[in-house]
C-alpha atoms as a PDB file:
ATOM      1  CA  MET A   1      97.480 117.915  93.735  1.00  0.00           C
ATOM      2  CA  PRO A   2      98.893 115.723  90.959  1.00  0.00           C
ATOM      3  CA  PHE A   3     100.352 112.339  91.855  1.00  0.00           C
ATOM      4  CA  ALA A   4     102.084 109.545  89.976  1.00  0.00           C
ATOM      5  CA  LEU A   5     102.576 106.061  91.367  1.00  0.00           C
ATOM      6  CA  ALA A   6     105.502 104.410  89.575  1.00  0.00           C
ATOM      7  CA  LEU A   7     105.366 100.604  89.801  1.00  0.00           C
ATOM      8  CA  GLY A   8     108.152  98.258  88.793  1.00  0.00           C
ATOM      9  CA  THR A   9     111.020 100.748  88.806  1.00  0.00           C
ATOM     10  CA  SER A  10     114.699  99.984  89.294  1.00  0.00           C
ATOM     11  CA  PRO A  11     115.196  98.487  92.791  1.00  0.00           C
ATOM     12  CA  ALA A  12     117.430 101.438  93.665  1.00  0.00           C
ATOM     13  CA  VAL A  13     114.469 103.804  93.233  1.00  0.00           C
ATOM     14  CA  ALA A  14     112.498 101.919  95.876  1.00  0.00           C
ATOM     15  CA  MET A  15     115.526 101.852  98.192  1.00  0.00           C
ATOM     16  CA  VAL A  16     115.964 105.638  98.047  1.00  0.00           C
ATOM     17  CA  ALA A  17     112.202 106.195  98.350  1.00  0.00           C
ATOM     18  CA  GLY A  18     112.319 104.221 101.603  1.00  0.00           C
ATOM     19  CA  CYS A  19     115.305 106.138 102.983  1.00  0.00           C
ATOM     20  CA  PRO A  20     114.554 108.962 105.462  1.00  0.00           C
ATOM     21  CA  VAL A  21     116.797 111.535 103.790  1.00  0.00           C
ATOM     22  CA  ARG A  22     117.058 115.090 105.110  1.00  0.00           C
ATOM     23  CA  ASP A  23     114.595 117.792 104.082  1.00  0.00           C
ATOM     24  CA  GLY A  24     115.384 119.507 100.817  1.00  0.00           C
ATOM     25  CA  LEU A  25     117.557 116.716  99.449  1.00  0.00           C
ATOM     26  CA  ASP A  26     116.765 115.921  95.793  1.00  0.00           C
ATOM     27  CA  GLU A  27     116.195 112.155  95.732  1.00  0.00           C
ATOM     28  CA  ALA A  28     116.676 112.031  91.959  1.00  0.00           C
ATOM     29  CA  ALA A  29     120.086 113.685  92.411  1.00  0.00           C
ATOM     30  CA  LEU A  30     120.884 111.189  95.150  1.00  0.00           C
ATOM     31  CA  LEU A  31     120.064 108.359  92.758  1.00  0.00           C
ATOM     32  CA  GLY A  32     122.177 109.990  90.063  1.00  0.00           C
ATOM     33  CA  GLY A  33     125.115 110.054  92.457  1.00  0.00           C
ATOM     34  CA  TRP A  34     124.519 106.392  93.275  1.00  0.00           C
ATOM     35  CA  PHE A  35     124.323 105.360  89.606  1.00  0.00           C
ATOM     36  CA  GLY A  36     127.042 107.745  88.456  1.00  0.00           C
ATOM     37  CA  GLU A  37     124.713 109.172  85.794  1.00  0.00           C
ATOM     38  CA  PRO A  38     121.405 111.063  85.682  1.00  0.00           C
ATOM     39  CA  VAL A  39     118.185 109.144  86.224  1.00  0.00           C
ATOM     40  CA  GLU A  40     116.193 108.987  82.991  1.00  0.00           C
ATOM     41  CA  VAL A  41     112.639 110.247  83.470  1.00  0.00           C
ATOM     42  CA  VAL A  42     109.557 110.682  81.267  1.00  0.00           C
ATOM     43  CA  ARG A  43     106.607 113.062  81.498  1.00  0.00           C
ATOM     44  CA  CYS A  44     103.247 111.722  82.646  1.00  0.00           C
ATOM     45  CA  GLU A  45     100.348 111.696  80.198  1.00  0.00           C
ATOM     46  CA  SER A  46      97.807 113.685  82.230  1.00  0.00           C
ATOM     47  CA  HIS A  47      99.987 116.237  84.106  1.00  0.00           C
ATOM     48  CA  ASP A  48     103.546 117.540  84.274  1.00  0.00           C
ATOM     49  CA  LEU A  49     105.081 115.208  86.870  1.00  0.00           C
ATOM     50  CA  ARG A  50     108.054 113.094  85.776  1.00  0.00           C
ATOM     51  CA  VAL A  51     108.524 109.411  86.593  1.00  0.00           C
ATOM     52  CA  PRO A  52     111.462 107.005  86.152  1.00  0.00           C
ATOM     53  CA  ALA A  53     111.627 105.746  82.586  1.00  0.00           C
ATOM     54  CA  THR A  54     112.208 102.215  83.912  1.00  0.00           C
ATOM     55  CA  SER A  55     108.674 102.068  85.367  1.00  0.00           C
ATOM     56  CA  GLU A  56     106.581  99.098  84.292  1.00  0.00           C
ATOM     57  CA  ILE A  57     103.237 100.737  85.135  1.00  0.00           C
ATOM     58  CA  VAL A  58     102.354 104.300  86.178  1.00  0.00           C
ATOM     59  CA  VAL A  59      99.108 105.219  87.909  1.00  0.00           C
ATOM     60  CA  GLU A  60      98.471 108.938  87.353  1.00  0.00           C
ATOM     61  CA  GLY A  61      95.882 111.248  88.785  1.00  0.00           C
ATOM     62  CA  PHE A  62      94.992 113.966  91.257  1.00  0.00           C
ATOM     63  CA  LEU A  63      94.674 113.954  95.037  1.00  0.00           C
ATOM     64  CA  SER A  64      91.732 115.820  96.536  1.00  0.00           C
ATOM     65  CA  PHE A  65      92.256 118.245  99.400  1.00  0.00           C
ATOM     66  CA  GLU A  66      88.539 118.118 100.222  1.00  0.00           C
ATOM     67  CA  ASP A  67      87.060 114.697  99.419  1.00  0.00           C
ATOM     68  CA  VAL A  68      87.797 111.886 101.862  1.00  0.00           C
ATOM     69  CA  ALA A  69      86.735 108.243 102.111  1.00  0.00           C
ATOM     70  CA  PRO A  70      87.339 105.314 104.487  1.00  0.00           C
ATOM     71  CA  GLU A  71      90.720 103.628 103.969  1.00  0.00           C
ATOM     72  CA  GLY A  72      91.111  99.870 104.081  1.00  0.00           C
ATOM     73  CA  PRO A  73      90.914  97.812 106.076  1.00  0.00           C
ATOM     74  CA  MET A  74      94.313  96.545 105.043  1.00  0.00           C
ATOM     75  CA  GLY A  75      97.277  94.792 106.592  1.00  0.00           C
ATOM     76  CA  GLU A  76     100.167  96.973 107.724  1.00  0.00           C
ATOM     77  CA  TYR A  77     103.912  96.492 108.254  1.00  0.00           C
ATOM     78  CA  SER A  78     103.241  95.704 111.931  1.00  0.00           C
ATOM     79  CA  GLY A  79     101.619  92.443 110.830  1.00  0.00           C
ATOM     80  CA  LEU A  80      98.257  93.648 112.156  1.00  0.00           C
ATOM     81  CA  LEU A  81      94.924  94.542 110.562  1.00  0.00           C
ATOM     82  CA  TRP A  82      92.149  96.470 112.268  1.00  0.00           C
ATOM     83  CA  PRO A  83      88.903  95.170 110.665  1.00  0.00           C
ATOM     84  CA  GLU A  84      86.850  98.130 111.921  1.00  0.00           C
ATOM     85  CA  ASP A  85      89.392 100.749 110.909  1.00  0.00           C
ATOM     86  CA  SER A  86      87.458 103.562 109.231  1.00  0.00           C
ATOM     87  CA  ARG A  87      90.014 106.349 109.042  1.00  0.00           C
ATOM     88  CA  LEU A  88      89.037 108.945 106.476  1.00  0.00           C
ATOM     89  CA  CYS A  89      91.802 109.641 103.967  1.00  0.00           C
ATOM     90  CA  PRO A  90      92.103 111.867 100.878  1.00  0.00           C
ATOM     91  CA  VAL A  91      90.587 110.474  97.695  1.00  0.00           C
ATOM     92  CA  TYR A  92      92.869 109.765  94.713  1.00  0.00           C
ATOM     93  CA  ARG A  93      91.250 110.109  91.294  1.00  0.00           C
ATOM     94  CA  VAL A  94      93.020 108.209  88.524  1.00  0.00           C
ATOM     95  CA  THR A  95      93.288 109.935  85.145  1.00  0.00           C
ATOM     96  CA  ALA A  96      95.656 107.598  83.236  1.00  0.00           C
ATOM     97  CA  VAL A  97      97.465 104.273  83.571  1.00  0.00           C
ATOM     98  CA  PRO A  98     100.287 104.102  81.001  1.00  0.00           C
ATOM     99  CA  TYR A  99     102.340 100.892  80.920  1.00  0.00           C
ATOM    100  CA  ARG A 100     105.029  99.041  79.001  1.00  0.00           C
ATOM    101  CA  ASP A 101     104.288  96.135  76.667  1.00  0.00           C
ATOM    102  CA  GLU A 102     103.597  93.020  78.770  1.00  0.00           C
ATOM    103  CA  PRO A 103     104.261  94.903  82.025  1.00  0.00           C
ATOM    104  CA  VAL A 104     105.296  93.216  85.264  1.00  0.00           C
ATOM    105  CA  LEU A 105     103.223  94.309  88.283  1.00  0.00           C
ATOM    106  CA  PRO A 106     105.244  94.010  91.511  1.00  0.00           C
ATOM    107  CA  VAL A 107     103.123  93.216  94.546  1.00  0.00           C
ATOM    108  CA  VAL A 108     103.863  93.598  98.265  1.00  0.00           C
ATOM    109  CA  VAL A 109     101.424  92.027 100.692  1.00  0.00           C
ATOM    110  CA  ALA A 110     102.025  94.092 103.826  1.00  0.00           C
ATOM    111  CA  GLY A 111     101.725  92.180 107.068  1.00  0.00           C
ATOM    112  CA  MET A 112     103.557  89.542 109.049  1.00  0.00           C
ATOM    113  CA  PRO A 113     107.351  89.548 108.648  1.00  0.00           C
ATOM    114  CA  VAL A 114     109.232  89.195 106.466  1.00  0.00           C
ATOM    115  CA  GLU A 115     108.125  91.479 103.640  1.00  0.00           C
ATOM    116  CA  GLU A 116     109.518  94.466 101.790  1.00  0.00           C
ATOM    117  CA  ASN A 117     108.600  97.029 104.445  1.00  0.00           C
ATOM    118  CA  HIS A 118     110.937  95.225 106.840  1.00  0.00           C
ATOM    119  CA  THR A 119     113.764  94.629 104.374  1.00  0.00           C
ATOM    120  CA  ASN A 120     113.773  97.762 102.214  1.00  0.00           C
ATOM    121  CA  TRP A 121     112.465 100.286 104.733  1.00  0.00           C
ATOM    122  CA  GLY A 122     114.061  98.785 107.847  1.00  0.00           C
ATOM    123  CA  ILE A 123     117.551  98.638 106.342  1.00  0.00           C
ATOM    124  CA  ASN A 124     117.357 102.285 105.272  1.00  0.00           C
ATOM    125  CA  ILE A 125     116.073 103.456 108.651  1.00  0.00           C
ATOM    126  CA  ALA A 126     118.919 101.679 110.431  1.00  0.00           C
ATOM    127  CA  ALA A 127     121.502 103.127 108.041  1.00  0.00           C
ATOM    128  CA  ALA A 128     120.171 106.672 108.464  1.00  0.00           C
ATOM    129  CA  VAL A 129     120.105 106.395 112.254  1.00  0.00           C
ATOM    130  CA  LEU A 130     123.626 104.933 112.365  1.00  0.00           C
ATOM    131  CA  HIS A 131     124.947 107.833 110.288  1.00  0.00           C
ATOM    132  CA  GLU A 132     123.374 110.458 112.576  1.00  0.00           C
ATOM    133  CA  VAL A 133     124.365 108.768 115.845  1.00  0.00           C
ATOM    134  CA  ARG A 134     127.970 108.385 114.686  1.00  0.00           C
ATOM    135  CA  ALA A 135     127.984 112.106 113.886  1.00  0.00           C
ATOM    136  CA  GLU A 136     127.471 112.696 117.634  1.00  0.00           C
ATOM    137  CA  HIS A 137     130.768 110.860 118.301  1.00  0.00           C
ATOM    138  CA  LEU A 138     129.161 108.002 120.192  1.00  0.00           C
ATOM    139  CA  PRO A 139     131.073 104.676 120.126  1.00  0.00           C
ATOM    140  CA  VAL A 140     128.489 102.822 118.039  1.00  0.00           C
ATOM    141  CA  ARG A 141     129.523 100.074 115.635  1.00  0.00           C
ATOM    142  CA  ARG A 142     126.399  98.806 113.883  1.00  0.00           C
ATOM    143  CA  ALA A 143     122.639  99.317 113.733  1.00  0.00           C
ATOM    144  CA  PHE A 144     119.978  97.011 112.360  1.00  0.00           C
ATOM    145  CA  MET A 145     116.225  96.488 112.447  1.00  0.00           C
ATOM    146  CA  PRO A 146     115.707  92.708 112.790  1.00  0.00           C
ATOM    147  CA  PHE A 147     113.243  91.645 110.123  1.00  0.00           C
ATOM    148  CA  ALA A 148     111.218  89.489 112.523  1.00  0.00           C
ATOM    149  CA  ALA A 149     110.478  92.534 114.710  1.00  0.00           C
ATOM    150  CA  ALA A 150     108.528  94.286 111.928  1.00  0.00           C
ATOM    151  CA  CYS A 151     110.427  97.599 112.184  1.00  0.00           C
ATOM    152  CA  HIS A 152     109.546  97.862 115.901  1.00  0.00           C
ATOM    153  CA  TRP A 153     113.095  97.155 117.217  1.00  0.00           C
ATOM    154  CA  LEU A 154     116.290  98.997 116.375  1.00  0.00           C
ATOM    155  CA  VAL A 155     119.400  97.231 117.674  1.00  0.00           C
ATOM    156  CA  VAL A 156     122.515  99.384 118.176  1.00  0.00           C
ATOM    157  CA  THR A 157     125.875  97.838 119.063  1.00  0.00           C
ATOM    158  CA  VAL A 158     128.444  99.725 121.147  1.00  0.00           C
ATOM    159  CA  ASP A 159     132.220  99.297 121.343  1.00  0.00           C
ATOM    160  CA  THR A 160     132.732  98.500 125.035  1.00  0.00           C
ATOM    161  CA  ALA A 161     136.467  97.673 124.894  1.00  0.00           C
ATOM    162  CA  PRO A 162     137.678 101.123 126.021  1.00  0.00           C
ATOM    163  CA  GLY A 163     135.023 101.434 128.751  1.00  0.00           C
ATOM    164  CA  PRO A 164     132.226 104.002 129.100  1.00  0.00           C
ATOM    165  CA  GLY A 165     134.668 106.883 128.521  1.00  0.00           C
ATOM    166  CA  ARG A 166     133.437 110.432 128.980  1.00  0.00           C
ATOM    167  CA  TRP A 167     129.926 109.200 129.779  1.00  0.00           C
ATOM    168  CA  GLY A 168     131.201 107.921 133.123  1.00  0.00           C
ATOM    169  CA  THR A 169     128.950 104.876 133.464  1.00  0.00           C
ATOM    170  CA  TRP A 170     127.544 102.238 131.135  1.00  0.00           C
ATOM    171  CA  ARG A 171     124.060 103.374 132.125  1.00  0.00           C
ATOM    172  CA  ASN A 172     124.780 106.921 130.997  1.00  0.00           C
ATOM    173  CA  LEU A 173     126.216 105.656 127.714  1.00  0.00           C
ATOM    174  CA  ALA A 174     123.167 103.463 126.992  1.00  0.00           C
ATOM    175  CA  THR A 175     120.874 106.389 127.816  1.00  0.00           C
ATOM    176  CA  GLU A 176     122.761 108.772 125.534  1.00  0.00           C
ATOM    177  CA  VAL A 177     122.789 106.272 122.638  1.00  0.00           C
ATOM    178  CA  GLY A 178     119.035 105.837 122.978  1.00  0.00           C
ATOM    179  CA  ARG A 179     118.398 109.567 123.151  1.00  0.00           C
ATOM    180  CA  ALA A 180     120.632 110.128 120.117  1.00  0.00           C
ATOM    181  CA  VAL A 181     118.513 107.632 118.167  1.00  0.00           C
ATOM    182  CA  TYR A 182     115.386 109.535 119.195  1.00  0.00           C
ATOM    183  CA  ARG A 183     116.965 112.799 118.053  1.00  0.00           C
ATOM    184  CA  ALA A 184     117.668 111.354 114.599  1.00  0.00           C
ATOM    185  CA  ARG A 185     115.431 112.101 111.644  1.00  0.00           C
ATOM    186  CA  PRO A 186     113.685 108.667 111.614  1.00  0.00           C
ATOM    187  CA  ARG A 187     112.840 108.978 115.344  1.00  0.00           C
ATOM    188  CA  HIS A 188     109.088 108.856 114.706  1.00  0.00           C
ATOM    189  CA  ILE A 189     109.470 105.434 113.070  1.00  0.00           C
ATOM    190  CA  VAL A 190     111.561 103.713 115.788  1.00  0.00           C
ATOM    191  CA  PRO A 191     109.532 102.728 118.891  1.00  0.00           C
ATOM    192  CA  LYS A 192     112.067 100.555 120.766  1.00  0.00           C
ATOM    193  CA  VAL A 193     115.861 100.780 120.904  1.00  0.00           C
ATOM    194  CA  ILE A 194     118.039  97.890 122.102  1.00  0.00           C
ATOM    195  CA  VAL A 195     121.601  98.886 123.053  1.00  0.00           C
ATOM    196  CA  VAL A 196     123.986  95.924 123.169  1.00  0.00           C
ATOM    197  CA  GLU A 197     127.720  95.247 123.259  1.00  0.00           C
ATOM    198  CA  ASP A 198     129.441  94.648 119.939  1.00  0.00           C
ATOM    199  CA  ASP A 199     129.805  90.926 120.662  1.00  0.00           C
ATOM    200  CA  VAL A 200     126.170  90.646 119.509  1.00  0.00           C
ATOM    201  CA  ASP A 201     125.338  90.484 115.798  1.00  0.00           C
ATOM    202  CA  PRO A 202     122.317  92.828 115.413  1.00  0.00           C
ATOM    203  CA  ALA A 203     121.222  90.983 112.256  1.00  0.00           C
ATOM    204  CA  ASP A 204     121.041  87.632 114.103  1.00  0.00           C
ATOM    205  CA  ILE A 205     117.636  87.575 115.787  1.00  0.00           C
ATOM    206  CA  LYS A 206     118.640  84.670 118.046  1.00  0.00           C
ATOM    207  CA  GLN A 207     121.583  86.624 119.428  1.00  0.00           C
ATOM    208  CA  VAL A 208     119.414  89.719 119.924  1.00  0.00           C
ATOM    209  CA  VAL A 209     116.716  87.795 121.797  1.00  0.00           C
ATOM    210  CA  TRP A 210     119.393  86.148 123.972  1.00  0.00           C
ATOM    211  CA  ALA A 211     120.963  89.532 124.765  1.00  0.00           C
ATOM    212  CA  VAL A 212     117.647  91.145 125.728  1.00  0.00           C
ATOM    213  CA  ALA A 213     116.618  88.125 127.788  1.00  0.00           C
ATOM    214  CA  THR A 214     119.868  87.880 129.755  1.00  0.00           C
ATOM    215  CA  ARG A 215     121.277  91.429 129.847  1.00  0.00           C
ATOM    216  CA  ALA A 216     118.333  93.837 130.152  1.00  0.00           C
ATOM    217  CA  HIS A 217     117.168  94.339 133.757  1.00  0.00           C
ATOM    218  CA  PRO A 218     113.354  94.697 133.981  1.00  0.00           C
ATOM    219  CA  ASN A 219     113.594  97.514 136.544  1.00  0.00           C
ATOM    220  CA  GLU A 220     116.127  99.523 134.556  1.00  0.00           C
ATOM    221  CA  THR A 221     114.371 100.068 131.254  1.00  0.00           C
ATOM    222  CA  ILE A 222     114.919 103.664 130.064  1.00  0.00           C
ATOM    223  CA  VAL A 223     111.647 105.386 129.153  1.00  0.00           C
ATOM    224  CA  VAL A 224     111.721 108.401 126.830  1.00  0.00           C
ATOM    225  CA  PRO A 225     108.318 110.079 127.271  1.00  0.00           C
ATOM    226  CA  ASP A 226     106.015 111.814 124.810  1.00  0.00           C
ATOM    227  CA  MET A 227     107.821 111.213 121.541  1.00  0.00           C
ATOM    228  CA  PRO A 228     106.469 111.561 117.982  1.00  0.00           C
ATOM    229  CA  THR A 229     105.415 108.225 116.541  1.00  0.00           C
ATOM    230  CA  LEU A 230     104.112 106.643 113.398  1.00  0.00           C
ATOM    231  CA  PRO A 231     100.388 105.997 114.079  1.00  0.00           C
ATOM    232  CA  LEU A 232     100.729 102.528 112.512  1.00  0.00           C
ATOM    233  CA  VAL A 233     102.867 101.170 115.400  1.00  0.00           C
ATOM    234  CA  GLY A 234     101.091  98.000 116.462  1.00  0.00           C
ATOM    235  CA  TYR A 235     100.359  98.511 120.175  1.00  0.00           C
ATOM    236  CA  LEU A 236      99.269 102.174 120.334  1.00  0.00           C
ATOM    237  CA  SER A 237      96.064 103.267 122.051  1.00  0.00           C
ATOM    238  CA  GLU A 238      93.437 105.130 120.061  1.00  0.00           C
ATOM    239  CA  GLU A 239      94.501 108.407 121.660  1.00  0.00           C
ATOM    240  CA  GLU A 240      98.172 107.784 120.816  1.00  0.00           C
ATOM    241  CA  ARG A 241      97.327 106.945 117.220  1.00  0.00           C
ATOM    242  CA  ARG A 242      95.203 110.074 116.940  1.00  0.00           C
ATOM    243  CA  ASN A 243      97.886 112.356 118.420  1.00  0.00           C
ATOM    244  CA  ALA A 244     100.832 110.495 116.846  1.00  0.00           C
ATOM    245  CA  ARG A 245     102.737 110.660 120.153  1.00  0.00           C
ATOM    246  CA  THR A 246     103.733 107.987 122.663  1.00  0.00           C
ATOM    247  CA  ASP A 247     106.376 106.975 125.198  1.00  0.00           C
ATOM    248  CA  LYS A 248     109.371 105.139 123.781  1.00  0.00           C
ATOM    249  CA  VAL A 249     111.907 102.857 125.394  1.00  0.00           C
ATOM    250  CA  VAL A 250     115.590 101.951 125.479  1.00  0.00           C
ATOM    251  CA  PHE A 251     116.624  98.462 126.606  1.00  0.00           C
ATOM    252  CA  ASP A 252     120.035  98.743 128.257  1.00  0.00           C
ATOM    253  CA  CYS A 253     121.978  95.546 127.545  1.00  0.00           C
ATOM    254  CA  LEU A 254     125.410  97.001 128.375  1.00  0.00           C
ATOM    255  CA  PRO A 255     127.472  95.788 131.380  1.00  0.00           C
ATOM    256  CA  ARG A 256     126.195  96.678 134.840  1.00  0.00           C
ATOM    257  CA  ASP A 257     128.079  99.444 136.586  1.00  0.00           C
ATOM    258  CA  ASP A 258     128.115  97.525 139.881  1.00  0.00           C
ATOM    259  CA  TRP A 259     129.956  94.542 138.408  1.00  0.00           C
ATOM    260  CA  SER A 260     133.573  94.286 139.461  1.00  0.00           C
ATOM    261  CA  ALA A 261     136.296  93.883 136.848  1.00  0.00           C
ATOM    262  CA  THR A 262     136.663  90.191 137.764  1.00  0.00           C
ATOM    263  CA  GLY A 263     132.963  89.521 138.202  1.00  0.00           C
ATOM    264  CA  ARG A 264     131.799  90.476 134.732  1.00  0.00           C
ATOM    265  CA  PRO A 265     130.300  87.409 133.015  1.00  0.00           C
ATOM    266  CA  VAL A 266     131.439  86.135 129.624  1.00  0.00           C
ATOM    267  CA  ARG A 267     129.697  83.946 127.083  1.00  0.00           C
ATOM    268  CA  ALA A 268     129.710  80.254 127.886  1.00  0.00           C
ATOM    269  CA  ASN A 269     130.313  79.014 124.365  1.00  0.00           C
ATOM    270  CA  PHE A 270     132.911  77.332 122.174  1.00  0.00           C
ATOM    271  CA  ALA A 271     134.643  80.613 121.296  1.00  0.00           C
ATOM    272  CA  GLN A 272     135.600  81.134 124.950  1.00  0.00           C
ATOM    273  CA  LEU A 273     137.558  77.873 125.200  1.00  0.00           C
ATOM    274  CA  PRO A 274     141.379  77.973 124.980  1.00  0.00           C
ATOM    275  CA  ALA A 275     142.627  78.139 121.399  1.00  0.00           C
ATOM    276  CA  GLU A 276     144.548  74.853 121.636  1.00  0.00           C
ATOM    277  CA  LEU A 277     141.478  73.012 122.905  1.00  0.00           C
ATOM    278  CA  ARG A 278     139.322  74.466 120.126  1.00  0.00           C
ATOM    279  CA  ARG A 279     141.897  73.324 117.546  1.00  0.00           C
ATOM    280  CA  GLN A 280     141.952  69.788 118.918  1.00  0.00           C
ATOM    281  CA  VAL A 281     138.147  69.570 118.871  1.00  0.00           C
ATOM    282  CA  LEU A 282     137.915  70.813 115.285  1.00  0.00           C
ATOM    283  CA  ASP A 283     140.712  68.471 114.132  1.00  0.00           C
ATOM    284  CA  ARG A 284     138.756  65.495 115.477  1.00  0.00           C
ATOM    285  CA  TRP A 285     135.321  66.772 114.458  1.00  0.00           C
ATOM    286  CA  SER A 286     134.721  64.003 111.913  1.00  0.00           C
ATOM    287  CA  GLU A 287     135.658  61.367 114.510  1.00  0.00           C
ATOM    288  CA  TYR A 288     132.735  62.591 116.621  1.00  0.00           C
ATOM    289  CA  GLY A 289     130.367  61.760 113.774  1.00  0.00           C
ATOM    290  CA  TYR A 290     129.774  65.277 112.437  1.00  0.00           C
ATOM    291  CA  PRO A 291     130.377  66.658 108.919  1.00  0.00           C
ATOM    292  CA  ALA A 292     133.797  68.186 108.510  1.00  0.00           C
ATOM    293  CA  LYS A 293     134.011  71.865 109.414  1.00  0.00           C
ATOM    294  CA  GLU A 294     135.692  74.308 107.062  1.00  0.00           C
END
């Protein structure tokens, strides 16, 4: 099977390559829609595949369906490396390496966060999941994979102002949001879902950690059994990696259903103080010895 590895393309090419688009969708056409014009491509030197004309370097060749060899060891997006990893993978035979004059070779060292797997790939996974979950008419606001969690956490925020609605209880709503995520196309990539209220910024890792620590009850974690998984997830057993299946989890950080309307806690921070008091504090901020706030 012919292959062509295009290095140093337009950043948009890498973004779309990392996006879990639906089956049958032409990624080149998707890029053309993004750019507003067709993507310019050129023919490879040793076979008929086309590559983006913006490529700095192209590694061409053929992939064997029969010959295999040990892969790695190498670091992965989980931040882990298995030194004794001897998985047998198909052999790639290189037939040509065309390149531009004075080419720039982009390099990604996969491993501990933050690197391009977590930024490029994680952002696209979250966007794809958000689109599919919203299509199920769930009251979700935002979704994000915190970079520090190495694509192992997906945080989904829920609009809790109107109440749990047709789901009856907060628990049911958190469960349905989690199951909707695991029905989405990127479900094999996402191992842990964190469902929080929309007062939490999913891109702020400190807020996410605080929400999980203070709002998720240890005895009420929602387990979704026997789901497809990416074998590179960091904590899998050998059997789970081999079968590419594992149990997944939803951390319910929504309000408890047994809280009364008056007993529900609120954040103990500056934003909860009366507006007049906040104004007085900010007006005198410099007097307290701090830099002026804008």
